[in-house]
Amino acid sequence: MQQLDLWSSQRPELEAMASQVPFCADTLAYEQWLQWVFLPRMQQILEHSSPLPARCGLRPMGEQSLQHLGQRRVDLLVVLEQIDYLVQSAQ
């Protein structure tokens, strides 16, 4: 995400982080959700050797949500597909 200039140094407002909607779709852009919700949660899971979430599919939501990114969308979808594959392989 940093290489695609999608990394933000400013954390979203607390209200945006408290969404009850999947992927915080009502309060965060998908790339914000990846950075501020998904990646920290995955870090916690790995640090505690907890099982990975079953049926984690990042790419399908990304395909719908990242239309505004143009070529960066294509590059990020490749990474999301790799993450999906790694999670499924670890199950």
N, C-alpha and C. Protein backbone atom coordinates (compact mmCIF):
# COMPACT_ATOMS: atom_id res chain seq x y z
N MET A 1 0.83 -1.18 0.00
CA MET A 1 0.00 0.00 0.00
C MET A 1 0.88 1.25 0.00
N GLN A 2 2.00 1.18 0.68
CA GLN A 2 2.90 2.33 0.67
C GLN A 2 3.44 2.57 -0.73
N GLN A 3 3.81 1.52 -1.42
CA GLN A 3 4.34 1.66 -2.78
C GLN A 3 3.30 2.23 -3.73
N LEU A 4 2.04 2.01 -3.46
CA LEU A 4 0.96 2.52 -4.31
C LEU A 4 0.45 3.88 -3.84
N ASP A 5 1.13 4.46 -2.87
CA ASP A 5 0.75 5.75 -2.30
C ASP A 5 -0.66 5.73 -1.72
N LEU A 6 -0.98 4.63 -1.04
CA LEU A 6 -2.29 4.46 -0.41
C LEU A 6 -2.18 4.41 1.11
N TRP A 7 -1.00 4.67 1.65
CA TRP A 7 -0.76 4.60 3.08
C TRP A 7 -0.97 5.98 3.68
N SER A 8 -1.75 6.06 4.73
CA SER A 8 -2.05 7.33 5.37
C SER A 8 -1.33 7.42 6.71
N SER A 9 -0.76 8.57 6.99
CA SER A 9 -0.12 8.75 8.29
C SER A 9 -1.11 9.27 9.33
N GLN A 10 -2.29 9.66 8.88
CA GLN A 10 -3.30 10.20 9.79
C GLN A 10 -4.40 9.16 10.03
N ARG A 11 -4.55 8.78 11.28
CA ARG A 11 -5.56 7.79 11.66
C ARG A 11 -6.97 8.39 11.49
N PRO A 12 -7.93 7.60 11.03
CA PRO A 12 -9.31 8.08 10.94
C PRO A 12 -9.87 8.45 12.32
N GLU A 13 -10.91 9.24 12.33
CA GLU A 13 -11.58 9.62 13.58
C GLU A 13 -12.10 8.37 14.30
N LEU A 14 -12.19 8.45 15.61
CA LEU A 14 -12.67 7.31 16.40
C LEU A 14 -14.06 6.86 15.98
N GLU A 15 -14.92 7.80 15.62
CA GLU A 15 -16.28 7.44 15.20
C GLU A 15 -16.24 6.56 13.95
N ALA A 16 -15.32 6.83 13.06
CA ALA A 16 -15.20 6.03 11.83
C ALA A 16 -14.75 4.61 12.15
N MET A 17 -13.94 4.47 13.17
CA MET A 17 -13.43 3.15 13.55
C MET A 17 -14.47 2.32 14.30
N ALA A 18 -15.52 2.95 14.79
CA ALA A 18 -16.54 2.26 15.60
C ALA A 18 -17.70 1.75 14.77
N SER A 19 -17.57 1.70 13.47
CA SER A 19 -18.66 1.25 12.60
C SER A 19 -19.06 -0.18 12.94
N GLN A 20 -20.33 -0.48 12.79
CA GLN A 20 -20.85 -1.83 12.98
C GLN A 20 -21.10 -2.53 11.65
N VAL A 21 -20.82 -1.84 10.55
CA VAL A 21 -21.03 -2.37 9.20
C VAL A 21 -19.77 -3.13 8.76
N PRO A 22 -19.92 -4.29 8.12
CA PRO A 22 -18.73 -5.02 7.65
C PRO A 22 -17.81 -4.13 6.83
N PHE A 23 -16.52 -4.28 7.04
CA PHE A 23 -15.48 -3.51 6.36
C PHE A 23 -15.57 -2.01 6.65
N CYS A 24 -16.35 -1.62 7.65
CA CYS A 24 -16.56 -0.19 7.96
C CYS A 24 -16.95 0.57 6.69
N ALA A 25 -17.72 -0.07 5.84
CA ALA A 25 -18.05 0.49 4.52
C ALA A 25 -18.80 1.81 4.61
N ASP A 26 -19.43 2.07 5.74
CA ASP A 26 -20.17 3.32 5.86
C ASP A 26 -19.30 4.48 6.38
N THR A 27 -18.10 4.17 6.88
CA THR A 27 -17.29 5.23 7.48
C THR A 27 -15.87 5.33 6.94
N LEU A 28 -15.35 4.28 6.32
CA LEU A 28 -13.97 4.28 5.83
C LEU A 28 -13.91 3.87 4.37
N ALA A 29 -12.95 4.41 3.66
CA ALA A 29 -12.64 3.88 2.33
C ALA A 29 -12.00 2.51 2.53
N TYR A 30 -12.12 1.63 1.56
CA TYR A 30 -11.63 0.26 1.70
C TYR A 30 -10.14 0.23 2.03
N GLU A 31 -9.37 1.09 1.37
CA GLU A 31 -7.93 1.11 1.64
C GLU A 31 -7.65 1.59 3.07
N GLN A 32 -8.50 2.47 3.62
CA GLN A 32 -8.36 2.86 5.02
C GLN A 32 -8.67 1.67 5.93
N TRP A 33 -9.71 0.92 5.60
CA TRP A 33 -10.06 -0.26 6.39
C TRP A 33 -8.90 -1.26 6.40
N LEU A 34 -8.29 -1.48 5.23
CA LEU A 34 -7.16 -2.39 5.16
C LEU A 34 -6.05 -1.95 6.12
N GLN A 35 -5.71 -0.66 6.06
CA GLN A 35 -4.61 -0.16 6.86
C GLN A 35 -4.91 -0.10 8.34
N TRP A 36 -6.08 0.40 8.71
CA TRP A 36 -6.35 0.72 10.10
C TRP A 36 -7.14 -0.35 10.85
N VAL A 37 -7.76 -1.30 10.15
CA VAL A 37 -8.54 -2.35 10.82
C VAL A 37 -7.96 -3.73 10.51
N PHE A 38 -7.89 -4.07 9.23
CA PHE A 38 -7.47 -5.42 8.85
C PHE A 38 -6.02 -5.72 9.23
N LEU A 39 -5.10 -4.89 8.81
CA LEU A 39 -3.68 -5.18 9.07
C LEU A 39 -3.35 -5.24 10.56
N PRO A 40 -3.84 -4.29 11.38
CA PRO A 40 -3.57 -4.43 12.82
C PRO A 40 -4.18 -5.70 13.43
N ARG A 41 -5.37 -6.06 12.97
CA ARG A 41 -6.02 -7.27 13.49
C ARG A 41 -5.24 -8.52 13.09
N MET A 42 -4.78 -8.57 11.86
CA MET A 42 -3.98 -9.72 11.42
C MET A 42 -2.67 -9.78 12.19
N GLN A 43 -2.07 -8.65 12.48
CA GLN A 43 -0.84 -8.61 13.27
C GLN A 43 -1.09 -9.22 14.65
N GLN A 44 -2.21 -8.88 15.28
CA GLN A 44 -2.56 -9.44 16.58
C GLN A 44 -2.73 -10.95 16.50
N ILE A 45 -3.42 -11.39 15.47
CA ILE A 45 -3.65 -12.83 15.30
C ILE A 45 -2.33 -13.57 15.17
N LEU A 46 -1.43 -13.03 14.36
CA LEU A 46 -0.13 -13.69 14.16
C LEU A 46 0.72 -13.65 15.42
N GLU A 47 0.72 -12.53 16.12
CA GLU A 47 1.51 -12.41 17.35
C GLU A 47 1.06 -13.39 18.43
N HIS A 48 -0.24 -13.68 18.46
CA HIS A 48 -0.79 -14.59 19.48
C HIS A 48 -0.94 -16.02 18.97
N SER A 49 -0.46 -16.27 17.76
CA SER A 49 -0.55 -17.60 17.14
C SER A 49 -1.98 -18.12 17.14
N SER A 50 -2.92 -17.21 16.97
CA SER A 50 -4.33 -17.58 16.88
C SER A 50 -4.64 -18.10 15.49
N PRO A 51 -5.70 -18.88 15.34
CA PRO A 51 -6.06 -19.36 14.01
C PRO A 51 -6.50 -18.20 13.11
N LEU A 52 -6.17 -18.31 11.85
CA LEU A 52 -6.60 -17.30 10.88
C LEU A 52 -8.10 -17.38 10.67
N PRO A 53 -8.73 -16.27 10.33
CA PRO A 53 -10.19 -16.30 10.11
C PRO A 53 -10.54 -17.21 8.94
N ALA A 54 -11.57 -17.99 9.11
CA ALA A 54 -12.03 -18.87 8.04
C ALA A 54 -12.71 -18.05 6.96
N ARG A 55 -12.53 -18.46 5.74
CA ARG A 55 -13.22 -17.86 4.59
C ARG A 55 -12.97 -16.35 4.50
N CYS A 56 -11.75 -15.95 4.74
CA CYS A 56 -11.39 -14.54 4.61
C CYS A 56 -11.17 -14.24 3.13
N GLY A 57 -11.96 -13.38 2.56
CA GLY A 57 -11.84 -13.04 1.15
C GLY A 57 -11.75 -11.53 0.96
N LEU A 58 -10.55 -11.02 0.83
CA LEU A 58 -10.35 -9.58 0.67
C LEU A 58 -10.61 -9.10 -0.75
N ARG A 59 -10.23 -9.91 -1.72
CA ARG A 59 -10.32 -9.46 -3.10
C ARG A 59 -11.75 -9.15 -3.56
N PRO A 60 -12.75 -9.98 -3.27
CA PRO A 60 -14.10 -9.67 -3.76
C PRO A 60 -14.59 -8.28 -3.33
N MET A 61 -14.40 -7.94 -2.07
CA MET A 61 -14.82 -6.62 -1.60
C MET A 61 -13.95 -5.54 -2.23
N GLY A 62 -12.67 -5.83 -2.38
CA GLY A 62 -11.76 -4.87 -3.00
C GLY A 62 -12.14 -4.56 -4.44
N GLU A 63 -12.58 -5.57 -5.17
CA GLU A 63 -12.99 -5.36 -6.56
C GLU A 63 -14.12 -4.36 -6.65
N GLN A 64 -15.03 -4.42 -5.72
CA GLN A 64 -16.17 -3.50 -5.71
C GLN A 64 -15.79 -2.12 -5.17
N SER A 65 -14.91 -2.09 -4.20
CA SER A 65 -14.67 -0.86 -3.46
C SER A 65 -13.54 0.02 -3.99
N LEU A 66 -12.70 -0.50 -4.83
CA LEU A 66 -11.51 0.23 -5.23
C LEU A 66 -11.58 0.81 -6.64
N GLN A 67 -12.76 0.97 -7.16
CA GLN A 67 -12.93 1.47 -8.52
C GLN A 67 -12.22 2.80 -8.76
N HIS A 68 -12.17 3.64 -7.77
CA HIS A 68 -11.61 4.99 -7.90
C HIS A 68 -10.09 5.02 -8.01
N LEU A 69 -9.41 3.89 -7.86
CA LEU A 69 -7.96 3.88 -7.82
C LEU A 69 -7.28 3.67 -9.16
N GLY A 70 -8.02 3.36 -10.19
CA GLY A 70 -7.39 3.15 -11.51
C GLY A 70 -6.37 2.02 -11.49
N GLN A 71 -5.18 2.26 -12.03
CA GLN A 71 -4.14 1.23 -12.11
C GLN A 71 -3.71 0.78 -10.72
N ARG A 72 -3.72 1.66 -9.74
CA ARG A 72 -3.35 1.25 -8.39
C ARG A 72 -4.30 0.17 -7.89
N ARG A 73 -5.56 0.21 -8.35
CA ARG A 73 -6.55 -0.81 -7.99
C ARG A 73 -6.08 -2.17 -8.46
N VAL A 74 -5.65 -2.26 -9.70
CA VAL A 74 -5.20 -3.53 -10.27
C VAL A 74 -4.02 -4.08 -9.46
N ASP A 75 -3.07 -3.21 -9.15
CA ASP A 75 -1.89 -3.63 -8.38
C ASP A 75 -2.27 -4.09 -6.98
N LEU A 76 -3.18 -3.39 -6.33
CA LEU A 76 -3.60 -3.77 -4.99
C LEU A 76 -4.42 -5.05 -5.01
N LEU A 77 -5.23 -5.26 -6.04
CA LEU A 77 -6.01 -6.50 -6.14
C LEU A 77 -5.11 -7.71 -6.25
N VAL A 78 -3.97 -7.58 -6.92
CA VAL A 78 -3.02 -8.69 -7.01
C VAL A 78 -2.53 -9.06 -5.61
N VAL A 79 -2.21 -8.06 -4.81
CA VAL A 79 -1.75 -8.31 -3.44
C VAL A 79 -2.87 -8.94 -2.61
N LEU A 80 -4.09 -8.42 -2.74
CA LEU A 80 -5.21 -8.98 -1.98
C LEU A 80 -5.47 -10.43 -2.36
N GLU A 81 -5.32 -10.75 -3.63
CA GLU A 81 -5.49 -12.14 -4.08
C GLU A 81 -4.43 -13.03 -3.45
N GLN A 82 -3.21 -12.54 -3.35
CA GLN A 82 -2.13 -13.31 -2.72
C GLN A 82 -2.42 -13.55 -1.24
N ILE A 83 -2.93 -12.52 -0.56
CA ILE A 83 -3.28 -12.68 0.86
C ILE A 83 -4.39 -13.72 1.01
N ASP A 84 -5.42 -13.61 0.17
CA ASP A 84 -6.51 -14.60 0.21
C ASP A 84 -5.98 -16.01 0.02
N TYR A 85 -5.06 -16.18 -0.91
CA TYR A 85 -4.49 -17.51 -1.18
C TYR A 85 -3.72 -18.01 0.04
N LEU A 86 -2.90 -17.15 0.64
CA LEU A 86 -2.11 -17.56 1.81
C LEU A 86 -3.01 -17.96 2.97
N VAL A 87 -4.08 -17.20 3.20
CA VAL A 87 -5.00 -17.52 4.30
C VAL A 87 -5.69 -18.85 4.02
N GLN A 88 -6.15 -19.05 2.81
CA GLN A 88 -6.82 -20.31 2.47
C GLN A 88 -5.87 -21.50 2.56
N SER A 89 -4.61 -21.31 2.17
CA SER A 89 -3.61 -22.38 2.24
C SER A 89 -3.27 -22.77 3.67
N ALA A 90 -3.39 -21.82 4.58
CA ALA A 90 -3.05 -22.06 5.98
C ALA A 90 -4.17 -22.78 6.73
N GLN A 91 -5.35 -22.87 6.15
CA GLN A 91 -6.50 -23.47 6.83
C GLN A 91 -6.34 -24.96 6.94
